[in-house]
Amino acid sequence: MLYKTKGTCSVGILVELEPDHTIRKVEFIGGCSGNTQGVASLVQGMKAEDAITRLKGIRCGSKPTSCPDQLSRALEKALEETA
């Protein structure tokens, strides 16, 4: 699933979930390469619900959102689509 981000340097996030909601793959399009690769690597193999809890609400400087926060929103959307 492709999620179009809002308010961040990245412009999109590709998310793949296993049927049991385990995160198979995350790929950011744009953004700070090292940071987004690190976040994507850290959440791989994690349950989507756990990643959402950890990432939701993280801000980037004075911005009201961040790439990790946008990932939590992408995961929420992915879960909605599988429901």
N, C-alpha and C. Protein backbone atom coordinates (compact mmCIF):
# COMPACT_ATOMS: atom_id res chain seq x y z
N MET A 1 0.84 -1.16 0.00
CA MET A 1 0.00 0.00 0.00
C MET A 1 0.89 1.23 0.00
N LEU A 2 0.52 2.24 -0.80
CA LEU A 2 1.25 3.49 -0.84
C LEU A 2 0.46 4.54 -0.08
N TYR A 3 1.11 5.16 0.90
CA TYR A 3 0.51 6.23 1.68
C TYR A 3 1.19 7.53 1.30
N LYS A 4 0.41 8.53 0.92
CA LYS A 4 0.96 9.84 0.57
C LYS A 4 1.08 10.66 1.86
N THR A 5 2.30 11.05 2.20
CA THR A 5 2.55 11.77 3.45
C THR A 5 2.13 13.23 3.33
N LYS A 6 1.95 13.84 4.49
CA LYS A 6 1.59 15.25 4.58
C LYS A 6 2.47 15.93 5.63
N GLY A 7 3.09 17.05 5.25
CA GLY A 7 3.84 17.84 6.22
C GLY A 7 5.25 17.38 6.51
N THR A 8 5.79 16.50 5.66
CA THR A 8 7.15 16.00 5.88
C THR A 8 7.96 16.10 4.59
N CYS A 9 9.27 15.91 4.72
CA CYS A 9 10.15 15.91 3.55
C CYS A 9 9.90 14.70 2.67
N SER A 10 9.53 13.57 3.28
CA SER A 10 9.19 12.40 2.48
C SER A 10 7.84 12.66 1.81
N VAL A 11 7.65 12.07 0.64
CA VAL A 11 6.40 12.29 -0.10
C VAL A 11 5.48 11.08 -0.07
N GLY A 12 6.00 9.95 0.35
CA GLY A 12 5.19 8.74 0.41
C GLY A 12 5.86 7.65 1.21
N ILE A 13 5.05 6.67 1.61
CA ILE A 13 5.55 5.51 2.34
C ILE A 13 4.88 4.26 1.78
N LEU A 14 5.70 3.30 1.36
CA LEU A 14 5.19 2.01 0.93
C LEU A 14 5.19 1.08 2.14
N VAL A 15 4.06 0.45 2.40
CA VAL A 15 3.92 -0.43 3.56
C VAL A 15 3.39 -1.78 3.11
N GLU A 16 4.03 -2.85 3.58
CA GLU A 16 3.56 -4.22 3.35
C GLU A 16 3.38 -4.89 4.70
N LEU A 17 2.17 -5.42 4.95
CA LEU A 17 1.89 -6.14 6.20
C LEU A 17 1.62 -7.60 5.91
N GLU A 18 2.00 -8.45 6.86
CA GLU A 18 1.62 -9.86 6.83
C GLU A 18 0.14 -9.94 7.27
N PRO A 19 -0.53 -11.06 7.00
CA PRO A 19 -1.93 -11.19 7.43
C PRO A 19 -2.13 -11.03 8.95
N ASP A 20 -1.10 -11.33 9.74
CA ASP A 20 -1.22 -11.19 11.21
C ASP A 20 -0.80 -9.81 11.70
N HIS A 21 -0.70 -8.84 10.76
CA HIS A 21 -0.35 -7.43 11.05
C HIS A 21 1.12 -7.21 11.36
N THR A 22 1.96 -8.20 11.12
CA THR A 22 3.40 -7.99 11.25
C THR A 22 3.89 -7.18 10.06
N ILE A 23 4.76 -6.22 10.32
CA ILE A 23 5.27 -5.36 9.25
C ILE A 23 6.31 -6.14 8.45
N ARG A 24 6.01 -6.37 7.19
CA ARG A 24 6.93 -7.09 6.30
C ARG A 24 7.97 -6.13 5.73
N LYS A 25 7.50 -4.95 5.27
CA LYS A 25 8.42 -4.02 4.62
C LYS A 25 7.88 -2.60 4.73
N VAL A 26 8.79 -1.65 4.92
CA VAL A 26 8.48 -0.22 4.89
C VAL A 26 9.54 0.44 4.03
N GLU A 27 9.09 1.30 3.13
CA GLU A 27 10.03 2.06 2.29
C GLU A 27 9.52 3.49 2.16
N PHE A 28 10.34 4.44 2.61
CA PHE A 28 10.01 5.85 2.48
C PHE A 28 10.44 6.35 1.12
N ILE A 29 9.65 7.24 0.54
CA ILE A 29 9.99 7.89 -0.72
C ILE A 29 10.35 9.32 -0.38
N GLY A 30 11.63 9.65 -0.54
CA GLY A 30 12.12 10.97 -0.15
C GLY A 30 12.43 11.01 1.34
N GLY A 31 12.70 12.20 1.83
CA GLY A 31 13.03 12.37 3.24
C GLY A 31 14.51 12.20 3.49
N CYS A 32 14.89 12.23 4.74
CA CYS A 32 16.29 12.07 5.15
C CYS A 32 16.65 10.59 5.08
N SER A 33 17.42 10.23 4.09
CA SER A 33 17.67 8.83 3.76
C SER A 33 18.10 7.97 4.95
N GLY A 34 19.08 8.42 5.69
CA GLY A 34 19.57 7.63 6.82
C GLY A 34 18.51 7.43 7.88
N ASN A 35 17.80 8.49 8.22
CA ASN A 35 16.76 8.39 9.25
C ASN A 35 15.61 7.51 8.81
N THR A 36 15.13 7.70 7.58
CA THR A 36 13.99 6.91 7.13
C THR A 36 14.37 5.44 6.95
N GLN A 37 15.60 5.17 6.49
CA GLN A 37 16.04 3.78 6.39
C GLN A 37 16.13 3.14 7.78
N GLY A 38 16.60 3.93 8.75
CA GLY A 38 16.71 3.43 10.12
C GLY A 38 15.35 3.10 10.71
N VAL A 39 14.39 4.00 10.56
CA VAL A 39 13.04 3.76 11.08
C VAL A 39 12.44 2.54 10.40
N ALA A 40 12.57 2.46 9.07
CA ALA A 40 12.03 1.33 8.33
C ALA A 40 12.62 0.01 8.81
N SER A 41 13.91 0.00 9.05
CA SER A 41 14.58 -1.22 9.52
C SER A 41 14.14 -1.60 10.93
N LEU A 42 13.98 -0.62 11.78
CA LEU A 42 13.59 -0.89 13.17
C LEU A 42 12.19 -1.48 13.30
N VAL A 43 11.26 -1.06 12.44
CA VAL A 43 9.89 -1.55 12.58
C VAL A 43 9.65 -2.86 11.85
N GLN A 44 10.56 -3.26 10.97
CA GLN A 44 10.39 -4.51 10.25
C GLN A 44 10.30 -5.67 11.23
N GLY A 45 9.29 -6.51 11.08
CA GLY A 45 9.08 -7.64 11.97
C GLY A 45 8.25 -7.31 13.20
N MET A 46 7.95 -6.04 13.41
CA MET A 46 7.15 -5.59 14.56
C MET A 46 5.67 -5.64 14.19
N LYS A 47 4.81 -5.84 15.16
CA LYS A 47 3.37 -5.74 14.94
C LYS A 47 3.03 -4.29 14.64
N ALA A 48 2.16 -4.08 13.66
CA ALA A 48 1.78 -2.72 13.26
C ALA A 48 1.22 -1.94 14.45
N GLU A 49 0.42 -2.57 15.27
CA GLU A 49 -0.18 -1.89 16.42
C GLU A 49 0.89 -1.38 17.39
N ASP A 50 1.94 -2.16 17.60
CA ASP A 50 3.03 -1.74 18.49
C ASP A 50 3.80 -0.57 17.90
N ALA A 51 4.06 -0.61 16.60
CA ALA A 51 4.78 0.48 15.94
C ALA A 51 3.95 1.77 16.00
N ILE A 52 2.65 1.66 15.81
CA ILE A 52 1.78 2.84 15.88
C ILE A 52 1.88 3.47 17.25
N THR A 53 1.81 2.66 18.30
CA THR A 53 1.89 3.16 19.67
C THR A 53 3.20 3.90 19.91
N ARG A 54 4.29 3.38 19.39
CA ARG A 54 5.61 4.00 19.61
C ARG A 54 5.86 5.26 18.78
N LEU A 55 5.29 5.31 17.58
CA LEU A 55 5.63 6.38 16.64
C LEU A 55 4.63 7.53 16.59
N LYS A 56 3.39 7.26 16.93
CA LYS A 56 2.34 8.28 16.78
C LYS A 56 2.64 9.50 17.65
N GLY A 57 2.55 10.67 17.04
CA GLY A 57 2.71 11.92 17.77
C GLY A 57 4.12 12.47 17.79
N ILE A 58 5.10 11.74 17.24
CA ILE A 58 6.47 12.25 17.20
C ILE A 58 6.50 13.44 16.24
N ARG A 59 7.15 14.51 16.67
CA ARG A 59 7.23 15.74 15.88
C ARG A 59 8.64 15.93 15.34
N CYS A 60 8.75 16.67 14.25
CA CYS A 60 10.04 17.02 13.67
C CYS A 60 10.23 18.52 13.86
N GLY A 61 11.04 18.89 14.84
CA GLY A 61 11.24 20.30 15.14
C GLY A 61 9.92 20.97 15.49
N SER A 62 9.59 22.07 14.82
CA SER A 62 8.35 22.78 15.11
C SER A 62 7.18 22.27 14.27
N LYS A 63 7.43 21.30 13.40
CA LYS A 63 6.36 20.73 12.58
C LYS A 63 5.43 19.90 13.47
N PRO A 64 4.14 19.86 13.14
CA PRO A 64 3.22 19.07 13.95
C PRO A 64 3.28 17.57 13.68
N THR A 65 4.13 17.14 12.76
CA THR A 65 4.26 15.73 12.41
C THR A 65 5.72 15.42 12.09
N SER A 66 5.99 14.19 11.70
CA SER A 66 7.34 13.74 11.34
C SER A 66 7.20 12.50 10.47
N CYS A 67 8.30 12.03 9.92
CA CYS A 67 8.25 10.79 9.14
C CYS A 67 7.78 9.61 9.99
N PRO A 68 8.28 9.45 11.24
CA PRO A 68 7.76 8.36 12.06
C PRO A 68 6.26 8.50 12.35
N ASP A 69 5.79 9.72 12.60
CA ASP A 69 4.36 9.94 12.84
C ASP A 69 3.56 9.60 11.58
N GLN A 70 4.07 10.01 10.42
CA GLN A 70 3.39 9.68 9.17
C GLN A 70 3.37 8.17 8.94
N LEU A 71 4.42 7.47 9.36
CA LEU A 71 4.42 6.01 9.26
C LEU A 71 3.32 5.43 10.13
N SER A 72 3.12 5.97 11.32
CA SER A 72 2.03 5.46 12.17
C SER A 72 0.69 5.63 11.48
N ARG A 73 0.50 6.74 10.79
CA ARG A 73 -0.75 6.99 10.06
C ARG A 73 -0.88 6.03 8.87
N ALA A 74 0.23 5.77 8.19
CA ALA A 74 0.21 4.81 7.08
C ALA A 74 -0.15 3.42 7.58
N LEU A 75 0.38 3.04 8.72
CA LEU A 75 0.07 1.72 9.29
C LEU A 75 -1.39 1.65 9.71
N GLU A 76 -1.92 2.72 10.28
CA GLU A 76 -3.35 2.74 10.63
C GLU A 76 -4.21 2.53 9.39
N LYS A 77 -3.86 3.21 8.30
CA LYS A 77 -4.60 3.06 7.06
C LYS A 77 -4.49 1.63 6.53
N ALA A 78 -3.30 1.07 6.58
CA ALA A 78 -3.10 -0.31 6.12
C ALA A 78 -3.95 -1.28 6.94
N LEU A 79 -4.03 -1.07 8.24
CA LEU A 79 -4.87 -1.93 9.09
C LEU A 79 -6.34 -1.77 8.75
N GLU A 80 -6.77 -0.55 8.47
CA GLU A 80 -8.16 -0.32 8.07
C GLU A 80 -8.49 -1.06 6.78
N GLU A 81 -7.55 -1.05 5.85
CA GLU A 81 -7.77 -1.70 4.57
C GLU A 81 -7.82 -3.22 4.66
N THR A 82 -7.19 -3.78 5.70
CA THR A 82 -7.21 -5.24 5.86
C THR A 82 -8.37 -5.71 6.73
N ALA A 83 -9.08 -4.77 7.33
CA ALA A 83 -10.20 -5.13 8.24
C ALA A 83 -11.42 -5.58 7.46
